Amino acid sequence: MIGYMYDSDFSLHDTGEHIENKIRTESIDEMIQEKHNIFQIPTRVGDKEELSAVHDSGYVDWIESGYEKGISQIASADTIVSSESYAVALKAATSTKNVIQAFKDGKIKRAFLNLRPPGHHAEIITGQGFCIFNNIALMARYAQDAGYQKVLIIDFDVHHGNGTQDIFYDDKSVFFISFHEENNYPYFVGGKEEIGKGEGSGFTKNIPYKDEIKDAEFLALFDELPRDFDFDIVLVSAGYDLMSGELISSANISFEALGEMVEKILEYAKDKPIAFLLEGGYEIDSLVKSVDITLEKMR
């Protein structure tokens, strides 16, 4: 059985006509309810102190009170803060704990989290790139608290998962690998030379690729998944903005190749728990089809 997480409250994060808007997650949920027999995992609202496992407490406080003080954007104009954004982002990030519990209870072995706002660009001290809190990073910490000590995070969003890298850069218990378009947002990060520091040296791996990469070349990159990290759980930042037809990348990956990529990741994870967390993907029809393919492969 595949676990699934979604909450209509995610739509309360009001970004207006921005490309990261509520239509994304609502459309995915509509498709899933129509097509997939899936185990619903409830959301929760954790204490904000839980966020300190991955974020600076001063940043969390700033977001909590920001809208009331007139803050409507984080970092640059790409990340919107509305009246309910803090509450929604807190719920999205802390709800990941329930998925970990479902793994521990043996209810599921695989899960898809239809979360909003996304998270992989959120660093320790700031959000950016449409992200407020780092959902997958907090889920990794919940996993470790539950006994999954070695966590592998795979990020296939077309944009580098700079926030996740920032949080775990000196941590040898979390292996972070990112497959992303070279010199796309965020700029000047995600190079092959970035491998971690201190105890975390060698536990970060970046696989940047050129614009308009072909399917076969893209799929071959996944042969570089680490073979000497004995992980207990796999978490995937699933960004579908690498697909053909997306407006903010030129990767042009086909739906067939996407399916093969998901198969590669699932085969790599073997019998370990694995969760896919929604990140990017902004052309709605393509996004919905991509998630549908992912769920079909997860069966």
C-alpha atoms as a PDB file:
ATOM      1  CA  MET A   1       0.000   0.000   0.000  1.00  0.00           C
ATOM      2  CA  ILE A   2       1.189   3.482  -0.888  1.00  0.00           C
ATOM      3  CA  GLY A   3       0.748   6.233   1.670  1.00  0.00           C
ATOM      4  CA  TYR A   4      -0.498   9.628   0.547  1.00  0.00           C
ATOM      5  CA  MET A   5      -0.523  12.991   2.292  1.00  0.00           C
ATOM      6  CA  TYR A   6      -2.489  16.089   1.328  1.00  0.00           C
ATOM      7  CA  ASP A   7      -4.498  18.733   3.152  1.00  0.00           C
ATOM      8  CA  SER A   8      -6.877  21.285   1.644  1.00  0.00           C
ATOM      9  CA  ASP A   9      -5.346  23.811   4.052  1.00  0.00           C
ATOM     10  CA  PHE A  10      -2.315  23.880   1.778  1.00  0.00           C
ATOM     11  CA  SER A  11      -4.411  26.073  -0.533  1.00  0.00           C
ATOM     12  CA  LEU A  12      -4.549  28.779   2.141  1.00  0.00           C
ATOM     13  CA  HIS A  13      -0.966  29.740   1.308  1.00  0.00           C
ATOM     14  CA  ASP A  14      -2.120  32.484  -1.067  1.00  0.00           C
ATOM     15  CA  THR A  15       0.321  33.273  -3.863  1.00  0.00           C
ATOM     16  CA  GLY A  16      -2.219  34.700  -6.291  1.00  0.00           C
ATOM     17  CA  GLU A  17      -1.176  34.370  -9.934  1.00  0.00           C
ATOM     18  CA  HIS A  18       2.331  33.183  -9.080  1.00  0.00           C
ATOM     19  CA  ILE A  19       3.357  29.981 -10.880  1.00  0.00           C
ATOM     20  CA  GLU A  20       3.625  28.227  -7.494  1.00  0.00           C
ATOM     21  CA  ASN A  21      -0.055  28.337  -6.615  1.00  0.00           C
ATOM     22  CA  LYS A  22      -2.798  26.215  -5.100  1.00  0.00           C
ATOM     23  CA  ILE A  23      -3.919  24.793  -8.455  1.00  0.00           C
ATOM     24  CA  ARG A  24      -0.825  22.595  -8.463  1.00  0.00           C
ATOM     25  CA  THR A  25      -1.628  20.522  -5.378  1.00  0.00           C
ATOM     26  CA  GLU A  26      -5.396  20.667  -5.853  1.00  0.00           C
ATOM     27  CA  SER A  27      -5.066  19.220  -9.375  1.00  0.00           C
ATOM     28  CA  ILE A  28      -2.781  16.456  -8.187  1.00  0.00           C
ATOM     29  CA  ASP A  29      -5.204  15.536  -5.405  1.00  0.00           C
ATOM     30  CA  GLU A  30      -8.161  15.480  -7.780  1.00  0.00           C
ATOM     31  CA  MET A  31      -6.332  13.043 -10.058  1.00  0.00           C
ATOM     32  CA  ILE A  32      -5.282  10.818  -7.154  1.00  0.00           C
ATOM     33  CA  GLN A  33      -8.771  10.624  -5.679  1.00  0.00           C
ATOM     34  CA  GLU A  34     -10.157   9.617  -9.091  1.00  0.00           C
ATOM     35  CA  LYS A  35      -7.500   7.107 -10.139  1.00  0.00           C
ATOM     36  CA  HIS A  36      -5.592   5.681  -7.185  1.00  0.00           C
ATOM     37  CA  ASN A  37      -6.634   3.509  -4.265  1.00  0.00           C
ATOM     38  CA  ILE A  38      -4.239   4.959  -1.751  1.00  0.00           C
ATOM     39  CA  PHE A  39      -3.764   5.050   2.031  1.00  0.00           C
ATOM     40  CA  GLN A  40      -4.498   8.535   3.353  1.00  0.00           C
ATOM     41  CA  ILE A  41      -2.111   9.758   6.041  1.00  0.00           C
ATOM     42  CA  PRO A  42      -3.474  12.619   8.163  1.00  0.00           C
ATOM     43  CA  THR A  43      -1.618  15.875   8.588  1.00  0.00           C
ATOM     44  CA  ARG A  44      -0.710  17.465  11.905  1.00  0.00           C
ATOM     45  CA  VAL A  45       0.388  20.823  13.265  1.00  0.00           C
ATOM     46  CA  GLY A  46       3.589  20.366  15.205  1.00  0.00           C
ATOM     47  CA  ASP A  47       5.130  22.802  17.634  1.00  0.00           C
ATOM     48  CA  LYS A  48       7.226  25.452  15.951  1.00  0.00           C
ATOM     49  CA  GLU A  49      10.171  24.345  18.095  1.00  0.00           C
ATOM     50  CA  GLU A  50      10.310  21.197  15.967  1.00  0.00           C
ATOM     51  CA  LEU A  51      11.526  23.358  13.100  1.00  0.00           C
ATOM     52  CA  SER A  52      14.691  24.162  15.046  1.00  0.00           C
ATOM     53  CA  ALA A  53      15.970  20.736  14.025  1.00  0.00           C
ATOM     54  CA  VAL A  54      16.703  22.257  10.597  1.00  0.00           C
ATOM     55  CA  HIS A  55      16.131  26.026  10.866  1.00  0.00           C
ATOM     56  CA  ASP A  56      17.427  28.901  12.940  1.00  0.00           C
ATOM     57  CA  SER A  57      14.824  29.787  15.573  1.00  0.00           C
ATOM     58  CA  GLY A  58      15.184  33.485  14.771  1.00  0.00           C
ATOM     59  CA  TYR A  59      14.192  32.829  11.166  1.00  0.00           C
ATOM     60  CA  VAL A  60      11.159  30.800  12.300  1.00  0.00           C
ATOM     61  CA  ASP A  61      10.070  33.636  14.610  1.00  0.00           C
ATOM     62  CA  TRP A  62      10.520  36.129  11.764  1.00  0.00           C
ATOM     63  CA  ILE A  63       8.230  34.108   9.496  1.00  0.00           C
ATOM     64  CA  GLU A  64       5.670  33.642  12.254  1.00  0.00           C
ATOM     65  CA  SER A  65       5.271  37.390  12.768  1.00  0.00           C
ATOM     66  CA  GLY A  66       6.356  38.607   9.364  1.00  0.00           C
ATOM     67  CA  TYR A  67       3.047  39.148   7.600  1.00  0.00           C
ATOM     68  CA  GLU A  68       1.649  41.143  10.499  1.00  0.00           C
ATOM     69  CA  LYS A  69       4.722  43.375  10.274  1.00  0.00           C
ATOM     70  CA  GLY A  70       4.227  43.974   6.573  1.00  0.00           C
ATOM     71  CA  ILE A  71       6.527  41.323   5.132  1.00  0.00           C
ATOM     72  CA  SER A  72       5.113  39.896   1.903  1.00  0.00           C
ATOM     73  CA  GLN A  73       8.227  38.327   0.389  1.00  0.00           C
ATOM     74  CA  ILE A  74      11.290  36.366   1.497  1.00  0.00           C
ATOM     75  CA  ALA A  75      14.777  37.066   0.154  1.00  0.00           C
ATOM     76  CA  SER A  76      13.724  38.151  -3.324  1.00  0.00           C
ATOM     77  CA  ALA A  77      10.340  38.523  -4.996  1.00  0.00           C
ATOM     78  CA  ASP A  78      10.150  34.790  -5.757  1.00  0.00           C
ATOM     79  CA  THR A  79       8.828  33.659  -2.345  1.00  0.00           C
ATOM     80  CA  ILE A  80       5.494  35.073  -1.244  1.00  0.00           C
ATOM     81  CA  VAL A  81       4.277  35.355   2.346  1.00  0.00           C
ATOM     82  CA  SER A  82       0.530  35.796   2.865  1.00  0.00           C
ATOM     83  CA  SER A  83      -1.576  35.830   6.023  1.00  0.00           C
ATOM     84  CA  GLU A  84      -1.760  32.024   6.347  1.00  0.00           C
ATOM     85  CA  SER A  85       1.657  31.144   4.921  1.00  0.00           C
ATOM     86  CA  TYR A  86       3.368  30.519   8.255  1.00  0.00           C
ATOM     87  CA  ALA A  87       0.606  28.216   9.500  1.00  0.00           C
ATOM     88  CA  VAL A  88       0.467  26.302   6.225  1.00  0.00           C
ATOM     89  CA  ALA A  89       4.238  25.932   5.966  1.00  0.00           C
ATOM     90  CA  LEU A  90       4.393  24.754   9.589  1.00  0.00           C
ATOM     91  CA  LYS A  91       1.701  22.155   8.911  1.00  0.00           C
ATOM     92  CA  ALA A  92       3.348  20.923   5.702  1.00  0.00           C
ATOM     93  CA  ALA A  93       6.768  20.491   7.286  1.00  0.00           C
ATOM     94  CA  THR A  94       5.725  18.996  10.619  1.00  0.00           C
ATOM     95  CA  SER A  95       3.142  16.662   9.054  1.00  0.00           C
ATOM     96  CA  THR A  96       5.977  14.657   7.532  1.00  0.00           C
ATOM     97  CA  LYS A  97       6.379  13.105  10.992  1.00  0.00           C
ATOM     98  CA  ASN A  98       3.128  11.185  10.459  1.00  0.00           C
ATOM     99  CA  VAL A  99       4.529   9.520   7.344  1.00  0.00           C
ATOM    100  CA  ILE A 100       7.573   8.368   9.277  1.00  0.00           C
ATOM    101  CA  GLN A 101       5.248   6.934  11.924  1.00  0.00           C
ATOM    102  CA  ALA A 102       3.271   5.096   9.231  1.00  0.00           C
ATOM    103  CA  PHE A 103       6.553   3.534   8.063  1.00  0.00           C
ATOM    104  CA  LYS A 104       7.434   2.530  11.631  1.00  0.00           C
ATOM    105  CA  ASP A 105       3.990   1.030  12.201  1.00  0.00           C
ATOM    106  CA  GLY A 106       4.322  -1.106   9.083  1.00  0.00           C
ATOM    107  CA  LYS A 107       1.279   0.444   7.432  1.00  0.00           C
ATOM    108  CA  ILE A 108       3.186   1.461   4.294  1.00  0.00           C
ATOM    109  CA  LYS A 109       6.592   1.032   2.618  1.00  0.00           C
ATOM    110  CA  ARG A 110       6.209   3.817   0.059  1.00  0.00           C
ATOM    111  CA  ALA A 111       4.610   7.255   0.177  1.00  0.00           C
ATOM    112  CA  PHE A 112       3.851  10.336  -1.895  1.00  0.00           C
ATOM    113  CA  LEU A 113       3.536  13.682  -0.114  1.00  0.00           C
ATOM    114  CA  ASN A 114       1.556  16.314  -2.017  1.00  0.00           C
ATOM    115  CA  LEU A 115       2.883  19.205   0.057  1.00  0.00           C
ATOM    116  CA  ARG A 116       2.716  22.942  -0.320  1.00  0.00           C
ATOM    117  CA  PRO A 117       4.663  25.184  -0.090  1.00  0.00           C
ATOM    118  CA  PRO A 118       7.656  23.225  -1.418  1.00  0.00           C
ATOM    119  CA  GLY A 119      10.810  23.132   0.635  1.00  0.00           C
ATOM    120  CA  HIS A 120      14.157  22.179  -0.883  1.00  0.00           C
ATOM    121  CA  HIS A 121      15.444  25.744  -1.409  1.00  0.00           C
ATOM    122  CA  ALA A 122      14.855  26.736   2.246  1.00  0.00           C
ATOM    123  CA  GLU A 123      18.200  27.039   4.022  1.00  0.00           C
ATOM    124  CA  ILE A 124      18.955  27.128   7.743  1.00  0.00           C
ATOM    125  CA  ILE A 125      18.449  30.886   8.063  1.00  0.00           C
ATOM    126  CA  THR A 126      16.182  31.773   5.149  1.00  0.00           C
ATOM    127  CA  GLY A 127      13.548  30.645   2.706  1.00  0.00           C
ATOM    128  CA  GLN A 128      13.761  31.296  -1.031  1.00  0.00           C
ATOM    129  CA  GLY A 129      12.758  29.821  -4.383  1.00  0.00           C
ATOM    130  CA  PHE A 130       9.054  29.483  -3.414  1.00  0.00           C
ATOM    131  CA  CYS A 131      10.098  27.607  -0.222  1.00  0.00           C
ATOM    132  CA  ILE A 132       9.557  28.673   3.401  1.00  0.00           C
ATOM    133  CA  PHE A 133      10.512  25.652   5.544  1.00  0.00           C
ATOM    134  CA  ASN A 134      12.477  22.645   4.330  1.00  0.00           C
ATOM    135  CA  ASN A 135       9.985  19.761   4.385  1.00  0.00           C
ATOM    136  CA  ILE A 136      12.343  16.981   3.369  1.00  0.00           C
ATOM    137  CA  ALA A 137      15.086  18.059   5.772  1.00  0.00           C
ATOM    138  CA  LEU A 138      12.703  18.012   8.723  1.00  0.00           C
ATOM    139  CA  MET A 139      11.377  14.636   7.598  1.00  0.00           C
ATOM    140  CA  ALA A 140      14.955  13.336   7.622  1.00  0.00           C
ATOM    141  CA  ARG A 141      15.357  14.436  11.237  1.00  0.00           C
ATOM    142  CA  TYR A 142      12.039  12.829  12.199  1.00  0.00           C
ATOM    143  CA  ALA A 143      13.255   9.646  10.507  1.00  0.00           C
ATOM    144  CA  GLN A 144      16.417   9.652  12.569  1.00  0.00           C
ATOM    145  CA  ASP A 145      14.446  10.235  15.767  1.00  0.00           C
ATOM    146  CA  ALA A 146      12.405   7.142  14.834  1.00  0.00           C
ATOM    147  CA  GLY A 147      15.475   4.962  14.350  1.00  0.00           C
ATOM    148  CA  TYR A 148      16.254   5.394  10.637  1.00  0.00           C
ATOM    149  CA  GLN A 149      19.735   6.651  11.429  1.00  0.00           C
ATOM    150  CA  LYS A 150      21.200   6.866   7.906  1.00  0.00           C
ATOM    151  CA  VAL A 151      19.068   8.882   5.504  1.00  0.00           C
ATOM    152  CA  LEU A 152      19.585   9.164   1.752  1.00  0.00           C
ATOM    153  CA  ILE A 153      18.032  12.201   0.077  1.00  0.00           C
ATOM    154  CA  ILE A 154      17.708  12.183  -3.723  1.00  0.00           C
ATOM    155  CA  ASP A 155      16.731  15.468  -5.403  1.00  0.00           C
ATOM    156  CA  PHE A 156      15.722  15.330  -9.077  1.00  0.00           C
ATOM    157  CA  ASP A 157      14.131  18.777  -9.318  1.00  0.00           C
ATOM    158  CA  VAL A 158      15.625  20.680 -12.261  1.00  0.00           C
ATOM    159  CA  HIS A 159      16.893  23.240  -9.737  1.00  0.00           C
ATOM    160  CA  HIS A 160      19.617  22.482  -7.212  1.00  0.00           C
ATOM    161  CA  GLY A 161      18.389  21.623  -3.708  1.00  0.00           C
ATOM    162  CA  ASN A 162      20.591  24.267  -2.114  1.00  0.00           C
ATOM    163  CA  GLY A 163      18.587  24.420   1.106  1.00  0.00           C
ATOM    164  CA  THR A 164      18.818  20.710   1.790  1.00  0.00           C
ATOM    165  CA  GLN A 165      22.523  20.775   0.999  1.00  0.00           C
ATOM    166  CA  ASP A 166      23.029  23.717   3.376  1.00  0.00           C
ATOM    167  CA  ILE A 167      21.327  21.941   6.260  1.00  0.00           C
ATOM    168  CA  PHE A 168      23.262  18.664   5.958  1.00  0.00           C
ATOM    169  CA  TYR A 169      26.580  19.854   4.498  1.00  0.00           C
ATOM    170  CA  ASP A 170      28.635  18.833   7.546  1.00  0.00           C
ATOM    171  CA  ASP A 171      26.535  15.780   8.478  1.00  0.00           C
ATOM    172  CA  LYS A 172      27.736  12.271   7.655  1.00  0.00           C
ATOM    173  CA  SER A 173      24.448  10.646   8.692  1.00  0.00           C
ATOM    174  CA  VAL A 174      22.551  12.164   5.731  1.00  0.00           C
ATOM    175  CA  PHE A 175      23.760  11.595   2.175  1.00  0.00           C
ATOM    176  CA  PHE A 176      22.420  14.260  -0.184  1.00  0.00           C
ATOM    177  CA  ILE A 177      22.581  13.813  -3.958  1.00  0.00           C
ATOM    178  CA  SER A 178      21.138  16.344  -6.400  1.00  0.00           C
ATOM    179  CA  PHE A 179      20.556  15.939 -10.142  1.00  0.00           C
ATOM    180  CA  HIS A 180      19.939  19.396 -11.615  1.00  0.00           C
ATOM    181  CA  GLU A 181      20.338  21.666 -14.595  1.00  0.00           C
ATOM    182  CA  GLU A 182      23.665  23.473 -14.487  1.00  0.00           C
ATOM    183  CA  ASN A 183      23.514  27.220 -13.798  1.00  0.00           C
ATOM    184  CA  ASN A 184      19.768  27.294 -13.352  1.00  0.00           C
ATOM    185  CA  TYR A 185      18.270  28.706 -10.147  1.00  0.00           C
ATOM    186  CA  PRO A 186      19.829  29.133  -7.638  1.00  0.00           C
ATOM    187  CA  TYR A 187      22.857  30.359  -9.561  1.00  0.00           C
ATOM    188  CA  PHE A 188      26.473  29.505  -8.767  1.00  0.00           C
ATOM    189  CA  VAL A 189      25.707  26.577  -6.458  1.00  0.00           C
ATOM    190  CA  GLY A 190      25.494  22.826  -6.964  1.00  0.00           C
ATOM    191  CA  GLY A 191      28.852  22.243  -8.609  1.00  0.00           C
ATOM    192  CA  LYS A 192      30.584  18.872  -8.540  1.00  0.00           C
ATOM    193  CA  GLU A 193      33.245  20.306  -6.250  1.00  0.00           C
ATOM    194  CA  GLU A 194      30.655  20.747  -3.475  1.00  0.00           C
ATOM    195  CA  ILE A 195      31.002  17.472  -1.563  1.00  0.00           C
ATOM    196  CA  GLY A 196      30.363  18.451   2.058  1.00  0.00           C
ATOM    197  CA  LYS A 197      32.696  19.647   4.779  1.00  0.00           C
ATOM    198  CA  GLY A 198      34.123  18.366   8.057  1.00  0.00           C
ATOM    199  CA  GLU A 199      32.530  15.081   9.069  1.00  0.00           C
ATOM    200  CA  GLY A 200      30.149  15.519   6.148  1.00  0.00           C
ATOM    201  CA  SER A 201      32.882  15.562   3.526  1.00  0.00           C
ATOM    202  CA  GLY A 202      31.981  13.008   0.860  1.00  0.00           C
ATOM    203  CA  PHE A 203      28.311  12.853   1.861  1.00  0.00           C
ATOM    204  CA  THR A 204      27.100  15.496  -0.599  1.00  0.00           C
ATOM    205  CA  LYS A 205      27.124  14.725  -4.313  1.00  0.00           C
ATOM    206  CA  ASN A 206      26.047  17.085  -7.074  1.00  0.00           C
ATOM    207  CA  ILE A 207      25.326  15.901 -10.613  1.00  0.00           C
ATOM    208  CA  PRO A 208      24.765  19.014 -12.765  1.00  0.00           C
ATOM    209  CA  TYR A 209      23.819  18.539 -16.403  1.00  0.00           C
ATOM    210  CA  LYS A 210      23.714  20.738 -19.493  1.00  0.00           C
ATOM    211  CA  ASP A 211      20.620  22.409 -20.956  1.00  0.00           C
ATOM    212  CA  GLU A 212      18.395  20.293 -23.202  1.00  0.00           C
ATOM    213  CA  ILE A 213      19.827  17.018 -21.962  1.00  0.00           C
ATOM    214  CA  LYS A 214      18.562  13.949 -23.807  1.00  0.00           C
ATOM    215  CA  ASP A 215      16.639  11.149 -22.100  1.00  0.00           C
ATOM    216  CA  ALA A 216      19.348   8.494 -22.376  1.00  0.00           C
ATOM    217  CA  GLU A 217      22.059  10.768 -21.032  1.00  0.00           C
ATOM    218  CA  PHE A 218      19.814  11.867 -18.180  1.00  0.00           C
ATOM    219  CA  LEU A 219      18.938   8.317 -17.164  1.00  0.00           C
ATOM    220  CA  ALA A 220      22.608   7.311 -17.200  1.00  0.00           C
ATOM    221  CA  LEU A 221      23.290   9.893 -14.489  1.00  0.00           C
ATOM    222  CA  PHE A 222      21.372   7.754 -11.997  1.00  0.00           C
ATOM    223  CA  ASP A 223      24.078   5.126 -12.217  1.00  0.00           C
ATOM    224  CA  GLU A 224      25.946   7.534  -9.915  1.00  0.00           C
ATOM    225  CA  LEU A 225      23.637   6.924  -6.960  1.00  0.00           C
ATOM    226  CA  PRO A 226      25.930   6.091  -4.007  1.00  0.00           C
ATOM    227  CA  ARG A 227      26.759   2.412  -3.609  1.00  0.00           C
ATOM    228  CA  ASP A 228      28.680   2.566  -0.330  1.00  0.00           C
ATOM    229  CA  PHE A 229      26.181   4.389   1.905  1.00  0.00           C
ATOM    230  CA  ASP A 230      24.184   1.891   3.942  1.00  0.00           C
ATOM    231  CA  PHE A 231      20.953   3.899   4.157  1.00  0.00           C
ATOM    232  CA  ASP A 232      17.947   3.033   6.289  1.00  0.00           C
ATOM    233  CA  ILE A 233      15.406   5.171   4.400  1.00  0.00           C
ATOM    234  CA  VAL A 234      15.201   7.079   1.117  1.00  0.00           C
ATOM    235  CA  LEU A 235      13.563  10.492   0.775  1.00  0.00           C
ATOM    236  CA  VAL A 236      13.101  12.027  -2.664  1.00  0.00           C
ATOM    237  CA  SER A 237      12.668  15.697  -3.549  1.00  0.00           C
ATOM    238  CA  ALA A 238      10.387  15.132  -6.533  1.00  0.00           C
ATOM    239  CA  GLY A 239      10.491  18.226  -8.705  1.00  0.00           C
ATOM    240  CA  TYR A 240       8.707  17.754 -12.012  1.00  0.00           C
ATOM    241  CA  ASP A 241       9.966  20.976 -13.586  1.00  0.00           C
ATOM    242  CA  LEU A 242      12.499  18.948 -15.568  1.00  0.00           C
ATOM    243  CA  MET A 243       9.775  17.804 -17.954  1.00  0.00           C
ATOM    244  CA  SER A 244       9.292  18.828 -21.569  1.00  0.00           C
ATOM    245  CA  GLY A 245       6.910  21.777 -21.763  1.00  0.00           C
ATOM    246  CA  GLU A 246       7.938  23.386 -18.476  1.00  0.00           C
ATOM    247  CA  LEU A 247       8.549  27.118 -18.753  1.00  0.00           C
ATOM    248  CA  ILE A 248      11.430  27.524 -16.291  1.00  0.00           C
ATOM    249  CA  SER A 249      13.865  24.924 -17.582  1.00  0.00           C
ATOM    250  CA  SER A 250      15.121  23.471 -20.837  1.00  0.00           C
ATOM    251  CA  ALA A 251      15.706  19.890 -19.696  1.00  0.00           C
ATOM    252  CA  ASN A 252      12.849  18.480 -21.839  1.00  0.00           C
ATOM    253  CA  ILE A 253      12.694  15.060 -20.204  1.00  0.00           C
ATOM    254  CA  SER A 254       9.978  12.809 -21.652  1.00  0.00           C
ATOM    255  CA  PHE A 255       7.274  11.044 -19.647  1.00  0.00           C
ATOM    256  CA  GLU A 256       8.765   7.699 -20.653  1.00  0.00           C
ATOM    257  CA  ALA A 257      12.155   8.696 -19.258  1.00  0.00           C
ATOM    258  CA  LEU A 258      10.513   9.976 -16.081  1.00  0.00           C
ATOM    259  CA  GLY A 259       8.965   6.566 -15.533  1.00  0.00           C
ATOM    260  CA  GLU A 260      12.312   4.861 -16.081  1.00  0.00           C
ATOM    261  CA  MET A 261      13.962   7.258 -13.628  1.00  0.00           C
ATOM    262  CA  VAL A 262      11.384   6.454 -10.948  1.00  0.00           C
ATOM    263  CA  GLU A 263      11.942   2.745 -11.587  1.00  0.00           C
ATOM    264  CA  LYS A 264      15.687   3.224 -11.147  1.00  0.00           C
ATOM    265  CA  ILE A 265      15.172   4.997  -7.826  1.00  0.00           C
ATOM    266  CA  LEU A 266      12.743   2.347  -6.565  1.00  0.00           C
ATOM    267  CA  GLU A 267      15.058  -0.486  -7.588  1.00  0.00           C
ATOM    268  CA  TYR A 268      17.924   1.274  -5.846  1.00  0.00           C
ATOM    269  CA  ALA A 269      15.918   1.671  -2.615  1.00  0.00           C
ATOM    270  CA  LYS A 270      15.056  -2.052  -2.663  1.00  0.00           C
ATOM    271  CA  ASP A 271      13.031  -2.924   0.445  1.00  0.00           C
ATOM    272  CA  LYS A 272      13.833   0.250   2.399  1.00  0.00           C
ATOM    273  CA  PRO A 273      11.065   2.802   3.084  1.00  0.00           C
ATOM    274  CA  ILE A 274      10.882   5.489   0.418  1.00  0.00           C
ATOM    275  CA  ALA A 275       8.919   8.733   0.203  1.00  0.00           C
ATOM    276  CA  PHE A 276       8.547  11.166  -2.687  1.00  0.00           C
ATOM    277  CA  LEU A 277       7.882  14.788  -1.632  1.00  0.00           C
ATOM    278  CA  LEU A 278       6.533  17.277  -4.150  1.00  0.00           C
ATOM    279  CA  GLU A 279       8.845  20.137  -5.033  1.00  0.00           C
ATOM    280  CA  GLY A 280       8.641  21.853  -8.451  1.00  0.00           C
ATOM    281  CA  GLY A 281       6.462  21.405 -11.513  1.00  0.00           C
ATOM    282  CA  TYR A 282       4.371  24.301 -12.819  1.00  0.00           C
ATOM    283  CA  GLU A 283       2.738  23.272 -16.091  1.00  0.00           C
ATOM    284  CA  ILE A 284      -0.379  21.726 -14.591  1.00  0.00           C
ATOM    285  CA  ASP A 285      -1.201  18.999 -17.120  1.00  0.00           C
ATOM    286  CA  SER A 286       2.423  17.872 -17.203  1.00  0.00           C
ATOM    287  CA  LEU A 287       2.662  17.968 -13.407  1.00  0.00           C
ATOM    288  CA  VAL A 288      -0.448  15.864 -12.877  1.00  0.00           C
ATOM    289  CA  LYS A 289       0.632  13.298 -15.478  1.00  0.00           C
ATOM    290  CA  SER A 290       4.107  13.131 -13.934  1.00  0.00           C
ATOM    291  CA  VAL A 291       2.718  12.398 -10.471  1.00  0.00           C
ATOM    292  CA  ASP A 292       0.357   9.812 -11.969  1.00  0.00           C
ATOM    293  CA  ILE A 293       3.330   8.053 -13.591  1.00  0.00           C
ATOM    294  CA  THR A 294       5.255   8.155 -10.321  1.00  0.00           C
ATOM    295  CA  LEU A 295       2.389   6.545  -8.408  1.00  0.00           C
ATOM    296  CA  GLU A 296       1.907   3.864 -11.073  1.00  0.00           C
ATOM    297  CA  LYS A 297       5.575   2.932 -10.801  1.00  0.00           C
ATOM    298  CA  MET A 298       5.379   2.867  -6.982  1.00  0.00           C
ATOM    299  CA  ARG A 299       2.732   0.133  -6.986  1.00  0.00           C
END
